[in-house]
């Protein structure tokens, strides 16, 4: 059973996803954060394919703090640029644009992605 906090995030997520969609030319950068790590995916919603994905666990980082989240953002930007993706649409996935979510976005911008 979903908690009140989870149901609020899912409601916000549905509102965001109604407005944000990724295409082949401008895919969606989706962020997920858990208690133990942060995850970022670049998704083409038209075909339903994940083009690139990075997590703190994949990078071998101990936890999902703000510094490690920024490293995830830089790494997802490297993978995106290697795949020929220059611009993305940011999907905060119902989370507040603060802390780890903002750190991923800042890291991706530093890595060369355009939002």
Protein backbone atom coordinates (compact mmCIF):
# COMPACT_ATOMS: atom_id res chain seq x y z
CA UNK A 1 0.00 0.00 0.00
CA UNK A 2 1.38 3.39 -0.99
CA UNK A 3 2.09 5.93 1.67
CA UNK A 4 0.72 9.44 1.48
CA UNK A 5 4.16 10.70 0.41
CA UNK A 6 4.41 8.12 -2.38
CA UNK A 7 0.91 8.79 -3.67
CA UNK A 8 1.64 12.53 -3.76
CA UNK A 9 4.83 11.93 -5.78
CA UNK A 10 2.99 9.63 -8.20
CA UNK A 11 0.26 12.24 -8.71
CA UNK A 12 2.89 14.89 -9.49
CA UNK A 13 4.70 12.39 -11.74
CA UNK A 14 1.56 11.79 -13.82
CA UNK A 15 1.12 15.54 -14.24
CA UNK A 16 4.72 15.95 -15.41
CA UNK A 17 4.59 12.98 -17.79
CA UNK A 18 1.44 14.38 -19.42
CA UNK A 19 3.55 17.36 -20.52
CA UNK A 20 7.02 15.82 -21.00
CA UNK A 21 7.81 13.25 -23.65
CA UNK A 22 11.08 12.21 -25.24
CA UNK A 23 11.64 11.82 -28.97
CA UNK A 24 14.55 10.45 -30.96
CA UNK A 25 15.95 13.95 -31.52
CA UNK A 26 15.33 15.13 -27.94
CA UNK A 27 14.97 12.19 -25.53
CA UNK A 28 13.84 12.35 -21.92
CA UNK A 29 16.35 12.31 -19.05
CA UNK A 30 14.52 10.56 -16.22
CA UNK A 31 15.80 10.60 -12.64
CA UNK A 32 15.02 8.15 -9.84
CA UNK A 33 16.32 8.43 -6.31
CA UNK A 34 16.16 5.85 -3.61
CA UNK A 35 17.51 5.74 -0.08
CA UNK A 36 20.67 4.01 -1.26
CA UNK A 37 21.40 5.55 -4.66
CA UNK A 38 20.39 7.67 -7.61
CA UNK A 39 19.67 6.53 -11.15
CA UNK A 40 19.45 8.39 -14.46
CA UNK A 41 18.12 7.12 -17.80
CA UNK A 42 17.85 8.67 -21.23
CA UNK A 43 14.68 7.37 -22.85
CA UNK A 44 13.16 7.61 -26.33
CA UNK A 45 9.42 7.46 -25.56
CA UNK A 46 8.38 7.07 -29.21
CA UNK A 47 10.15 3.73 -29.57
CA UNK A 48 10.11 2.91 -25.88
CA UNK A 49 13.87 2.35 -25.68
CA UNK A 50 16.38 3.28 -23.01
CA UNK A 51 19.33 4.86 -24.82
CA UNK A 52 21.68 5.25 -21.84
CA UNK A 53 21.56 4.58 -18.12
CA UNK A 54 23.83 5.29 -15.15
CA UNK A 55 23.53 4.68 -11.42
CA UNK A 56 25.66 5.19 -8.35
CA UNK A 57 25.88 1.42 -8.00
CA UNK A 58 27.19 1.10 -11.55
CA UNK A 59 29.88 3.69 -10.81
CA UNK A 60 30.83 1.85 -7.62
CA UNK A 61 29.91 4.76 -5.35
CA UNK A 62 28.96 3.95 -1.77
CA UNK A 63 25.79 6.04 -1.49
CA UNK A 64 23.57 8.47 -3.34
CA UNK A 65 24.63 11.75 -1.75
CA UNK A 66 24.76 15.06 -3.64
CA UNK A 67 28.42 14.74 -4.70
CA UNK A 68 27.85 11.25 -6.10
CA UNK A 69 24.65 12.38 -7.82
CA UNK A 70 26.65 15.03 -9.65
CA UNK A 71 29.06 12.33 -10.85
CA UNK A 72 26.08 10.36 -12.17
CA UNK A 73 24.99 13.47 -14.10
CA UNK A 74 28.43 13.91 -15.65
CA UNK A 75 28.59 10.22 -16.61
CA UNK A 76 25.11 10.22 -18.20
CA UNK A 77 26.16 13.27 -20.24
CA UNK A 78 29.28 11.42 -21.45
CA UNK A 79 27.20 8.41 -22.50
CA UNK A 80 24.65 10.65 -24.21
CA UNK A 81 27.27 12.57 -26.17
CA UNK A 82 28.88 9.28 -27.21
CA UNK A 83 25.49 8.16 -28.53
CA UNK A 84 25.07 11.43 -30.46
CA UNK A 85 22.50 12.99 -28.12
CA UNK A 86 23.05 16.71 -27.60
CA UNK A 87 19.76 17.89 -26.05
CA UNK A 88 17.33 16.27 -23.62
CA UNK A 89 14.08 17.00 -21.80
CA UNK A 90 14.51 16.76 -18.02
CA UNK A 91 12.01 14.58 -16.13
CA UNK A 92 12.35 15.02 -12.36
CA UNK A 93 9.92 12.12 -11.88
CA UNK A 94 7.77 13.83 -9.25
CA UNK A 95 10.66 14.76 -6.99
CA UNK A 96 11.39 18.33 -5.96
CA UNK A 97 14.10 20.01 -8.02
CA UNK A 98 16.44 20.15 -5.06
CA UNK A 99 19.43 18.28 -3.66
CA UNK A 100 20.29 15.07 -5.52
CA UNK A 101 17.88 15.69 -8.39
CA UNK A 102 19.34 19.14 -9.00
CA UNK A 103 22.88 17.74 -8.71
CA UNK A 104 22.19 15.25 -11.52
CA UNK A 105 20.87 18.06 -13.72
CA UNK A 106 23.85 20.30 -12.94
CA UNK A 107 26.29 17.46 -13.63
CA UNK A 108 24.61 16.69 -16.94
CA UNK A 109 24.80 20.35 -17.96
CA UNK A 110 28.48 20.46 -17.02
CA UNK A 111 29.01 17.33 -19.11
CA UNK A 112 27.66 19.10 -22.17
CA UNK A 113 23.94 18.24 -22.38
CA UNK A 114 21.48 20.96 -23.29
CA UNK A 115 18.11 21.10 -21.48
